[in-house]
Amino acid sequence: MLSGTIIVILISLVAGAAIRAWAFAIFAIVVALGFGIVAQQHASLFDAALYGLGILALMQVCYVTGVFTAGIWRRSRKPAKESTISDPARVPSKQRQN
């Protein structure tokens, strides 16, 4: 179970940088249900449900961490020299109409 949890953490971190929230929500629910079903074989239904919810919460935290990390990384990159504006256009002033 520990190796499965580590894999889920890594996948959730990478998904935070790659996919949209709605797609991850569907993926997380399916994985949490799968872990709950596997846990049910060795424990009661209540314990399996709690374990599945714990995996779901862990996946959500890792996803949000991945989103913030990817956002910070994207913003920290220096912009290319070609994309910077060296001489901004002058804004014409309003002229008096007589």
PDB file of N, CA and C in Angstrom:
ATOM      1  N   MET A   1       0.806  -1.194   0.000  1.00  0.00           N
ATOM      2  CA  MET A   1       0.000   0.000   0.000  1.00  0.00           C
ATOM      3  C   MET A   1       0.854   1.264   0.000  1.00  0.00           C
ATOM      4  N   LEU A   2       2.015   1.201   0.633  1.00  0.00           N
ATOM      5  CA  LEU A   2       2.891   2.368   0.685  1.00  0.00           C
ATOM      6  C   LEU A   2       3.409   2.720  -0.701  1.00  0.00           C
ATOM      7  N   SER A   3       3.786   1.730  -1.482  1.00  0.00           N
ATOM      8  CA  SER A   3       4.275   2.007  -2.830  1.00  0.00           C
ATOM      9  C   SER A   3       3.159   2.593  -3.699  1.00  0.00           C
ATOM     10  N   GLY A   4       1.945   2.117  -3.531  1.00  0.00           N
ATOM     11  CA  GLY A   4       0.808   2.672  -4.266  1.00  0.00           C
ATOM     12  C   GLY A   4       0.535   4.111  -3.871  1.00  0.00           C
ATOM     13  N   THR A   5       0.683   4.421  -2.590  1.00  0.00           N
ATOM     14  CA  THR A   5       0.479   5.785  -2.116  1.00  0.00           C
ATOM     15  C   THR A   5       1.546   6.723  -2.673  1.00  0.00           C
ATOM     16  N   ILE A   6       2.767   6.275  -2.724  1.00  0.00           N
ATOM     17  CA  ILE A   6       3.851   7.097  -3.279  1.00  0.00           C
ATOM     18  C   ILE A   6       3.615   7.352  -4.765  1.00  0.00           C
ATOM     19  N   ILE A   7       3.167   6.344  -5.480  1.00  0.00           N
ATOM     20  CA  ILE A   7       2.866   6.516  -6.908  1.00  0.00           C
ATOM     21  C   ILE A   7       1.721   7.506  -7.096  1.00  0.00           C
ATOM     22  N   VAL A   8       0.692   7.413  -6.261  1.00  0.00           N
ATOM     23  CA  VAL A   8      -0.431   8.341  -6.338  1.00  0.00           C
ATOM     24  C   VAL A   8       0.033   9.769  -6.068  1.00  0.00           C
ATOM     25  N   ILE A   9       0.924   9.968  -5.109  1.00  0.00           N
ATOM     26  CA  ILE A   9       1.451  11.299  -4.805  1.00  0.00           C
ATOM     27  C   ILE A   9       2.203  11.861  -6.007  1.00  0.00           C
ATOM     28  N   LEU A  10       3.070  11.065  -6.596  1.00  0.00           N
ATOM     29  CA  LEU A  10       3.845  11.533  -7.744  1.00  0.00           C
ATOM     30  C   LEU A  10       2.961  11.852  -8.947  1.00  0.00           C
ATOM     31  N   ILE A  11       1.987  10.999  -9.216  1.00  0.00           N
ATOM     32  CA  ILE A  11       1.074  11.247 -10.331  1.00  0.00           C
ATOM     33  C   ILE A  11       0.261  12.512 -10.082  1.00  0.00           C
ATOM     34  N   SER A  12      -0.158  12.741  -8.856  1.00  0.00           N
ATOM     35  CA  SER A  12      -0.947  13.931  -8.539  1.00  0.00           C
ATOM     36  C   SER A  12      -0.123  15.201  -8.687  1.00  0.00           C
ATOM     37  N   LEU A  13       1.135  15.151  -8.296  1.00  0.00           N
ATOM     38  CA  LEU A  13       2.004  16.323  -8.454  1.00  0.00           C
ATOM     39  C   LEU A  13       2.215  16.665  -9.925  1.00  0.00           C
ATOM     40  N   VAL A  14       2.456  15.656 -10.735  1.00  0.00           N
ATOM     41  CA  VAL A  14       2.649  15.880 -12.171  1.00  0.00           C
ATOM     42  C   VAL A  14       1.340  16.330 -12.823  1.00  0.00           C
ATOM     43  N   ALA A  15       0.232  15.772 -12.400  1.00  0.00           N
ATOM     44  CA  ALA A  15      -1.061  16.160 -12.961  1.00  0.00           C
ATOM     45  C   ALA A  15      -1.382  17.617 -12.661  1.00  0.00           C
ATOM     46  N   GLY A  16      -0.909  18.127 -11.532  1.00  0.00           N
ATOM     47  CA  GLY A  16      -1.133  19.528 -11.203  1.00  0.00           C
ATOM     48  C   GLY A  16      -0.538  20.462 -12.228  1.00  0.00           C
ATOM     49  N   ALA A  17       0.526  20.049 -12.865  1.00  0.00           N
ATOM     50  CA  ALA A  17       1.170  20.887 -13.871  1.00  0.00           C
ATOM     51  C   ALA A  17       0.626  20.621 -15.271  1.00  0.00           C
ATOM     52  N   ALA A  18      -0.107  19.540 -15.449  1.00  0.00           N
ATOM     53  CA  ALA A  18      -0.444  19.135 -16.807  1.00  0.00           C
ATOM     54  C   ALA A  18      -1.928  19.182 -17.161  1.00  0.00           C
ATOM     55  N   ILE A  19      -2.823  18.857 -16.240  1.00  0.00           N
ATOM     56  CA  ILE A  19      -4.230  18.729 -16.629  1.00  0.00           C
ATOM     57  C   ILE A  19      -5.117  19.687 -15.851  1.00  0.00           C
ATOM     58  N   ARG A  20      -6.317  19.852 -16.333  1.00  0.00           N
ATOM     59  CA  ARG A  20      -7.309  20.732 -15.719  1.00  0.00           C
ATOM     60  C   ARG A  20      -7.890  20.103 -14.461  1.00  0.00           C
ATOM     61  N   ALA A  21      -8.499  20.934 -13.630  1.00  0.00           N
ATOM     62  CA  ALA A  21      -9.033  20.478 -12.344  1.00  0.00           C
ATOM     63  C   ALA A  21     -10.169  19.483 -12.518  1.00  0.00           C
ATOM     64  N   TRP A  22     -11.062  19.700 -13.482  1.00  0.00           N
ATOM     65  CA  TRP A  22     -12.189  18.784 -13.641  1.00  0.00           C
ATOM     66  C   TRP A  22     -11.720  17.403 -14.073  1.00  0.00           C
ATOM     67  N   ALA A  23     -10.700  17.354 -14.920  1.00  0.00           N
ATOM     68  CA  ALA A  23     -10.177  16.055 -15.355  1.00  0.00           C
ATOM     69  C   ALA A  23      -9.503  15.337 -14.192  1.00  0.00           C
ATOM     70  N   PHE A  24      -8.787  16.102 -13.376  1.00  0.00           N
ATOM     71  CA  PHE A  24      -8.139  15.481 -12.230  1.00  0.00           C
ATOM     72  C   PHE A  24      -9.163  15.004 -11.207  1.00  0.00           C
ATOM     73  N   ALA A  25     -10.245  15.742 -11.040  1.00  0.00           N
ATOM     74  CA  ALA A  25     -11.274  15.333 -10.074  1.00  0.00           C
ATOM     75  C   ALA A  25     -11.858  13.979 -10.448  1.00  0.00           C
ATOM     76  N   ILE A  26     -12.134  13.782 -11.729  1.00  0.00           N
ATOM     77  CA  ILE A  26     -12.659  12.488 -12.182  1.00  0.00           C
ATOM     78  C   ILE A  26     -11.623  11.390 -11.944  1.00  0.00           C
ATOM     79  N   PHE A  27     -10.374  11.669 -12.306  1.00  0.00           N
ATOM     80  CA  PHE A  27      -9.297  10.699 -12.110  1.00  0.00           C
ATOM     81  C   PHE A  27      -9.126  10.362 -10.629  1.00  0.00           C
ATOM     82  N   ALA A  28      -9.157  11.373  -9.768  1.00  0.00           N
ATOM     83  CA  ALA A  28      -8.940  11.152  -8.337  1.00  0.00           C
ATOM     84  C   ALA A  28     -10.054  10.313  -7.720  1.00  0.00           C
ATOM     85  N   ILE A  29     -11.276  10.562  -8.126  1.00  0.00           N
ATOM     86  CA  ILE A  29     -12.391   9.777  -7.578  1.00  0.00           C
ATOM     87  C   ILE A  29     -12.272   8.316  -7.995  1.00  0.00           C
ATOM     88  N   VAL A  30     -11.913   8.081  -9.231  1.00  0.00           N
ATOM     89  CA  VAL A  30     -11.758   6.696  -9.710  1.00  0.00           C
ATOM     90  C   VAL A  30     -10.630   5.989  -8.957  1.00  0.00           C
ATOM     91  N   VAL A  31      -9.506   6.669  -8.784  1.00  0.00           N
ATOM     92  CA  VAL A  31      -8.385   6.054  -8.071  1.00  0.00           C
ATOM     93  C   VAL A  31      -8.735   5.817  -6.605  1.00  0.00           C
ATOM     94  N   ALA A  32      -9.377   6.785  -5.954  1.00  0.00           N
ATOM     95  CA  ALA A  32      -9.751   6.613  -4.549  1.00  0.00           C
ATOM     96  C   ALA A  32     -10.730   5.460  -4.374  1.00  0.00           C
ATOM     97  N   LEU A  33     -11.675   5.329  -5.299  1.00  0.00           N
ATOM     98  CA  LEU A  33     -12.590   4.182  -5.234  1.00  0.00           C
ATOM     99  C   LEU A  33     -11.836   2.872  -5.425  1.00  0.00           C
ATOM    100  N   GLY A  34     -10.878   2.870  -6.321  1.00  0.00           N
ATOM    101  CA  GLY A  34     -10.069   1.664  -6.530  1.00  0.00           C
ATOM    102  C   GLY A  34      -9.280   1.283  -5.287  1.00  0.00           C
ATOM    103  N   PHE A  35      -8.679   2.273  -4.649  1.00  0.00           N
ATOM    104  CA  PHE A  35      -7.952   1.982  -3.415  1.00  0.00           C
ATOM    105  C   PHE A  35      -8.898   1.535  -2.313  1.00  0.00           C
ATOM    106  N   GLY A  36     -10.093   2.115  -2.264  1.00  0.00           N
ATOM    107  CA  GLY A  36     -11.078   1.682  -1.279  1.00  0.00           C
ATOM    108  C   GLY A  36     -11.515   0.251  -1.485  1.00  0.00           C
ATOM    109  N   ILE A  37     -11.685  -0.141  -2.744  1.00  0.00           N
ATOM    110  CA  ILE A  37     -12.084  -1.519  -3.052  1.00  0.00           C
ATOM    111  C   ILE A  37     -10.975  -2.495  -2.676  1.00  0.00           C
ATOM    112  N   VAL A  38      -9.741  -2.130  -2.967  1.00  0.00           N
ATOM    113  CA  VAL A  38      -8.611  -2.995  -2.602  1.00  0.00           C
ATOM    114  C   VAL A  38      -8.490  -3.094  -1.083  1.00  0.00           C
ATOM    115  N   ALA A  39      -8.689  -1.970  -0.391  1.00  0.00           N
ATOM    116  CA  ALA A  39      -8.586  -1.983   1.071  1.00  0.00           C
ATOM    117  C   ALA A  39      -9.722  -2.772   1.707  1.00  0.00           C
ATOM    118  N   GLN A  40     -10.863  -2.857   1.032  1.00  0.00           N
ATOM    119  CA  GLN A  40     -12.006  -3.568   1.589  1.00  0.00           C
ATOM    120  C   GLN A  40     -11.728  -5.064   1.721  1.00  0.00           C
ATOM    121  N   GLN A  41     -10.844  -5.584   0.915  1.00  0.00           N
ATOM    122  CA  GLN A  41     -10.538  -7.004   0.981  1.00  0.00           C
ATOM    123  C   GLN A  41      -9.861  -7.374   2.293  1.00  0.00           C
ATOM    124  N   HIS A  42      -9.214  -6.417   2.920  1.00  0.00           N
ATOM    125  CA  HIS A  42      -8.472  -6.695   4.149  1.00  0.00           C
ATOM    126  C   HIS A  42      -9.071  -6.024   5.380  1.00  0.00           C
ATOM    127  N   ALA A  43     -10.118  -5.225   5.235  1.00  0.00           N
ATOM    128  CA  ALA A  43     -10.686  -4.502   6.370  1.00  0.00           C
ATOM    129  C   ALA A  43     -12.199  -4.403   6.200  1.00  0.00           C
ATOM    130  N   SER A  44     -12.832  -3.745   7.166  1.00  0.00           N
ATOM    131  CA  SER A  44     -14.277  -3.556   7.094  1.00  0.00           C
ATOM    132  C   SER A  44     -14.613  -2.490   6.048  1.00  0.00           C
ATOM    133  N   LEU A  45     -15.878  -2.389   5.706  1.00  0.00           N
ATOM    134  CA  LEU A  45     -16.327  -1.421   4.717  1.00  0.00           C
ATOM    135  C   LEU A  45     -16.070   0.007   5.191  1.00  0.00           C
ATOM    136  N   PHE A  46     -16.295   0.275   6.478  1.00  0.00           N
ATOM    137  CA  PHE A  46     -16.066   1.606   7.029  1.00  0.00           C
ATOM    138  C   PHE A  46     -14.585   1.988   6.952  1.00  0.00           C
ATOM    139  N   ASP A  47     -13.714   1.060   7.311  1.00  0.00           N
ATOM    140  CA  ASP A  47     -12.274   1.329   7.228  1.00  0.00           C
ATOM    141  C   ASP A  47     -11.825   1.551   5.786  1.00  0.00           C
ATOM    142  N   ALA A  48     -12.389   0.785   4.875  1.00  0.00           N
ATOM    143  CA  ALA A  48     -12.051   0.950   3.460  1.00  0.00           C
ATOM    144  C   ALA A  48     -12.520   2.304   2.938  1.00  0.00           C
ATOM    145  N   ALA A  49     -13.703   2.740   3.365  1.00  0.00           N
ATOM    146  CA  ALA A  49     -14.210   4.048   2.943  1.00  0.00           C
ATOM    147  C   ALA A  49     -13.335   5.169   3.496  1.00  0.00           C
ATOM    148  N   LEU A  50     -12.924   5.052   4.744  1.00  0.00           N
ATOM    149  CA  LEU A  50     -12.026   6.064   5.323  1.00  0.00           C
ATOM    150  C   LEU A  50     -10.676   6.084   4.613  1.00  0.00           C
ATOM    151  N   TYR A  51     -10.171   4.930   4.274  1.00  0.00           N
ATOM    152  CA  TYR A  51      -8.902   4.865   3.544  1.00  0.00           C
ATOM    153  C   TYR A  51      -9.038   5.502   2.164  1.00  0.00           C
ATOM    154  N   GLY A  52     -10.131   5.228   1.470  1.00  0.00           N
ATOM    155  CA  GLY A  52     -10.376   5.839   0.162  1.00  0.00           C
ATOM    156  C   GLY A  52     -10.492   7.353   0.248  1.00  0.00           C
ATOM    157  N   LEU A  53     -11.173   7.858   1.274  1.00  0.00           N
ATOM    158  CA  LEU A  53     -11.273   9.307   1.474  1.00  0.00           C
ATOM    159  C   LEU A  53      -9.916   9.914   1.815  1.00  0.00           C
ATOM    160  N   GLY A  54      -9.116   9.185   2.578  1.00  0.00           N
ATOM    161  CA  GLY A  54      -7.770   9.667   2.888  1.00  0.00           C
ATOM    162  C   GLY A  54      -6.904   9.771   1.642  1.00  0.00           C
ATOM    163  N   ILE A  55      -6.988   8.774   0.778  1.00  0.00           N
ATOM    164  CA  ILE A  55      -6.249   8.815  -0.497  1.00  0.00           C
ATOM    165  C   ILE A  55      -6.746   9.974  -1.347  1.00  0.00           C
ATOM    166  N   LEU A  56      -8.060  10.188  -1.380  1.00  0.00           N
ATOM    167  CA  LEU A  56      -8.630  11.287  -2.159  1.00  0.00           C
ATOM    168  C   LEU A  56      -8.126  12.638  -1.639  1.00  0.00           C
ATOM    169  N   ALA A  57      -8.120  12.822  -0.337  1.00  0.00           N
ATOM    170  CA  ALA A  57      -7.622  14.075   0.245  1.00  0.00           C
ATOM    171  C   ALA A  57      -6.139  14.267  -0.051  1.00  0.00           C
ATOM    172  N   LEU A  58      -5.367  13.204   0.045  1.00  0.00           N
ATOM    173  CA  LEU A  58      -3.940  13.279  -0.262  1.00  0.00           C
ATOM    174  C   LEU A  58      -3.713  13.647  -1.723  1.00  0.00           C
ATOM    175  N   MET A  59      -4.499  13.082  -2.613  1.00  0.00           N
ATOM    176  CA  MET A  59      -4.377  13.394  -4.035  1.00  0.00           C
ATOM    177  C   MET A  59      -4.720  14.857  -4.306  1.00  0.00           C
ATOM    178  N   GLN A  60      -5.748  15.367  -3.644  1.00  0.00           N
ATOM    179  CA  GLN A  60      -6.137  16.757  -3.853  1.00  0.00           C
ATOM    180  C   GLN A  60      -5.061  17.717  -3.363  1.00  0.00           C
ATOM    181  N   VAL A  61      -4.484  17.434  -2.214  1.00  0.00           N
ATOM    182  CA  VAL A  61      -3.408  18.277  -1.682  1.00  0.00           C
ATOM    183  C   VAL A  61      -2.204  18.258  -2.615  1.00  0.00           C
ATOM    184  N   CYS A  62      -1.840  17.100  -3.102  1.00  0.00           N
ATOM    185  CA  CYS A  62      -0.703  16.999  -4.022  1.00  0.00           C
ATOM    186  C   CYS A  62      -1.002  17.680  -5.351  1.00  0.00           C
ATOM    187  N   TYR A  63      -2.242  17.620  -5.822  1.00  0.00           N
ATOM    188  CA  TYR A  63      -2.609  18.291  -7.063  1.00  0.00           C
ATOM    189  C   TYR A  63      -2.469  19.807  -6.915  1.00  0.00           C
ATOM    190  N   VAL A  64      -2.995  20.348  -5.830  1.00  0.00           N
ATOM    191  CA  VAL A  64      -2.905  21.794  -5.602  1.00  0.00           C
ATOM    192  C   VAL A  64      -1.444  22.219  -5.457  1.00  0.00           C
ATOM    193  N   THR A  65      -0.646  21.408  -4.786  1.00  0.00           N
ATOM    194  CA  THR A  65       0.783  21.702  -4.672  1.00  0.00           C
ATOM    195  C   THR A  65       1.434  21.719  -6.053  1.00  0.00           C
ATOM    196  N   GLY A  66       1.087  20.777  -6.901  1.00  0.00           N
ATOM    197  CA  GLY A  66       1.620  20.743  -8.258  1.00  0.00           C
ATOM    198  C   GLY A  66       1.197  21.947  -9.078  1.00  0.00           C
ATOM    199  N   VAL A  67      -0.053  22.404  -8.906  1.00  0.00           N
ATOM    200  CA  VAL A  67      -0.535  23.584  -9.629  1.00  0.00           C
ATOM    201  C   VAL A  67       0.261  24.813  -9.212  1.00  0.00           C
ATOM    202  N   PHE A  68       0.435  25.015  -7.912  1.00  0.00           N
ATOM    203  CA  PHE A  68       1.185  26.180  -7.437  1.00  0.00           C
ATOM    204  C   PHE A  68       2.649  26.116  -7.839  1.00  0.00           C
ATOM    205  N   THR A  69       3.248  24.948  -7.759  1.00  0.00           N
ATOM    206  CA  THR A  69       4.653  24.803  -8.137  1.00  0.00           C
ATOM    207  C   THR A  69       4.845  25.089  -9.623  1.00  0.00           C
ATOM    208  N   ALA A  70       3.968  24.577 -10.453  1.00  0.00           N
ATOM    209  CA  ALA A  70       4.071  24.828 -11.893  1.00  0.00           C
ATOM    210  C   ALA A  70       3.855  26.307 -12.205  1.00  0.00           C
ATOM    211  N   GLY A  71       2.918  26.940 -11.509  1.00  0.00           N
ATOM    212  CA  GLY A  71       2.678  28.363 -11.724  1.00  0.00           C
ATOM    213  C   GLY A  71       3.866  29.217 -11.327  1.00  0.00           C
ATOM    214  N   ILE A  72       4.471  28.900 -10.200  1.00  0.00           N
ATOM    215  CA  ILE A  72       5.657  29.643  -9.760  1.00  0.00           C
ATOM    216  C   ILE A  72       6.807  29.421 -10.729  1.00  0.00           C
ATOM    217  N   TRP A  73       6.969  28.195 -11.191  1.00  0.00           N
ATOM    218  CA  TRP A  73       8.052  27.902 -12.133  1.00  0.00           C
ATOM    219  C   TRP A  73       7.858  28.665 -13.444  1.00  0.00           C
ATOM    220  N   ARG A  74       6.614  28.707 -13.941  1.00  0.00           N
ATOM    221  CA  ARG A  74       6.347  29.428 -15.189  1.00  0.00           C
ATOM    222  C   ARG A  74       6.596  30.919 -15.049  1.00  0.00           C
ATOM    223  N   ARG A  75       6.237  31.476 -13.903  1.00  0.00           N
ATOM    224  CA  ARG A  75       6.422  32.909 -13.697  1.00  0.00           C
ATOM    225  C   ARG A  75       7.875  33.283 -13.426  1.00  0.00           C
ATOM    226  N   SER A  76       8.654  32.349 -12.940  1.00  0.00           N
ATOM    227  CA  SER A  76      10.044  32.655 -12.599  1.00  0.00           C
ATOM    228  C   SER A  76      10.971  32.639 -13.799  1.00  0.00           C
ATOM    229  N   ARG A  77      10.526  32.021 -14.890  1.00  0.00           N
ATOM    230  CA  ARG A  77      11.369  32.002 -16.086  1.00  0.00           C
ATOM    231  C   ARG A  77      11.493  33.405 -16.639  1.00  0.00           C
ATOM    232  N   LYS A  78      12.665  33.740 -17.121  1.00  0.00           N
ATOM    233  CA  LYS A  78      12.883  35.064 -17.694  1.00  0.00           C
ATOM    234  C   LYS A  78      12.244  35.117 -19.077  1.00  0.00           C
ATOM    235  N   PRO A  79      11.615  36.263 -19.406  1.00  0.00           N
ATOM    236  CA  PRO A  79      11.025  36.369 -20.750  1.00  0.00           C
ATOM    237  C   PRO A  79      12.114  36.464 -21.811  1.00  0.00           C
ATOM    238  N   ALA A  80      11.801  35.997 -22.986  1.00  0.00           N
ATOM    239  CA  ALA A  80      12.764  36.022 -24.079  1.00  0.00           C
ATOM    240  C   ALA A  80      13.017  37.459 -24.520  1.00  0.00           C
ATOM    241  N   LYS A  81      14.214  37.723 -25.026  1.00  0.00           N
ATOM    242  CA  LYS A  81      14.572  39.066 -25.476  1.00  0.00           C
ATOM    243  C   LYS A  81      13.682  39.523 -26.620  1.00  0.00           C
ATOM    244  N   GLU A  82      13.248  38.610 -27.459  1.00  0.00           N
ATOM    245  CA  GLU A  82      12.450  38.955 -28.622  1.00  0.00           C
ATOM    246  C   GLU A  82      11.047  39.412 -28.245  1.00  0.00           C
ATOM    247  N   SER A  83      10.549  38.967 -27.104  1.00  0.00           N
ATOM    248  CA  SER A  83       9.177  39.292 -26.744  1.00  0.00           C
ATOM    249  C   SER A  83       9.066  40.586 -25.950  1.00  0.00           C
ATOM    250  N   THR A  84      10.174  41.166 -25.530  1.00  0.00           N
ATOM    251  CA  THR A  84      10.091  42.394 -24.762  1.00  0.00           C
ATOM    252  C   THR A  84       9.886  43.583 -25.688  1.00  0.00           C
ATOM    253  N   ILE A  85       9.209  44.564 -25.191  1.00  0.00           N
ATOM    254  CA  ILE A  85       8.956  45.776 -25.962  1.00  0.00           C
ATOM    255  C   ILE A  85      10.023  46.791 -25.586  1.00  0.00           C
ATOM    256  N   SER A  86      10.854  47.171 -26.560  1.00  0.00           N
ATOM    257  CA  SER A  86      11.950  48.087 -26.258  1.00  0.00           C
ATOM    258  C   SER A  86      11.514  49.543 -26.350  1.00  0.00           C
ATOM    259  N   ASP A  87      10.588  49.870 -27.235  1.00  0.00           N
ATOM    260  CA  ASP A  87      10.143  51.242 -27.406  1.00  0.00           C
ATOM    261  C   ASP A  87       8.619  51.248 -27.474  1.00  0.00           C
ATOM    262  N   PRO A  88       7.957  51.479 -26.333  1.00  0.00           N
ATOM    263  CA  PRO A  88       6.500  51.434 -26.358  1.00  0.00           C
ATOM    264  C   PRO A  88       5.926  52.565 -27.215  1.00  0.00           C
ATOM    265  N   ALA A  89       4.805  52.301 -27.826  1.00  0.00           N
ATOM    266  CA  ALA A  89       4.158  53.298 -28.683  1.00  0.00           C
ATOM    267  C   ALA A  89       3.624  54.439 -27.837  1.00  0.00           C
ATOM    268  N   ARG A  90       3.737  55.644 -28.370  1.00  0.00           N
ATOM    269  CA  ARG A  90       3.236  56.808 -27.661  1.00  0.00           C
ATOM    270  C   ARG A  90       1.729  56.875 -27.810  1.00  0.00           C
ATOM    271  N   VAL A  91       1.070  57.263 -26.746  1.00  0.00           N
ATOM    272  CA  VAL A  91      -0.379  57.415 -26.775  1.00  0.00           C
ATOM    273  C   VAL A  91      -0.672  58.845 -27.217  1.00  0.00           C
ATOM    274  N   PRO A  92      -1.446  59.020 -28.278  1.00  0.00           N
ATOM    275  CA  PRO A  92      -1.739  60.383 -28.725  1.00  0.00           C
ATOM    276  C   PRO A  92      -2.598  61.119 -27.715  1.00  0.00           C
ATOM    277  N   SER A  93      -2.268  62.370 -27.499  1.00  0.00           N
ATOM    278  CA  SER A  93      -3.039  63.168 -26.543  1.00  0.00           C
ATOM    279  C   SER A  93      -4.260  63.737 -27.236  1.00  0.00           C
ATOM    280  N   LYS A  94      -5.254  64.064 -26.436  1.00  0.00           N
ATOM    281  CA  LYS A  94      -6.469  64.652 -27.003  1.00  0.00           C
ATOM    282  C   LYS A  94      -6.185  66.094 -27.435  1.00  0.00           C
ATOM    283  N   GLN A  95      -6.571  66.424 -28.616  1.00  0.00           N
ATOM    284  CA  GLN A  95      -6.379  67.772 -29.112  1.00  0.00           C
ATOM    285  C   GLN A  95      -7.662  68.577 -28.937  1.00  0.00           C
ATOM    286  N   ARG A  96      -7.489  69.862 -28.717  1.00  0.00           N
ATOM    287  CA  ARG A  96      -8.643  70.742 -28.548  1.00  0.00           C
ATOM    288  C   ARG A  96      -9.367  70.920 -29.869  1.00  0.00           C
ATOM    289  N   GLN A  97     -10.632  70.807 -29.827  1.00  0.00           N
ATOM    290  CA  GLN A  97     -11.429  71.036 -31.028  1.00  0.00           C
ATOM    291  C   GLN A  97     -12.061  72.411 -30.911  1.00  0.00           C
ATOM    292  N   ASN A  98     -11.860  73.237 -31.928  1.00  0.00           N
ATOM    293  CA  ASN A  98     -12.404  74.605 -31.917  1.00  0.00           C
ATOM    294  C   ASN A  98     -13.701  74.689 -32.656  1.00  0.00           C
TER     295      ASN A  98
END
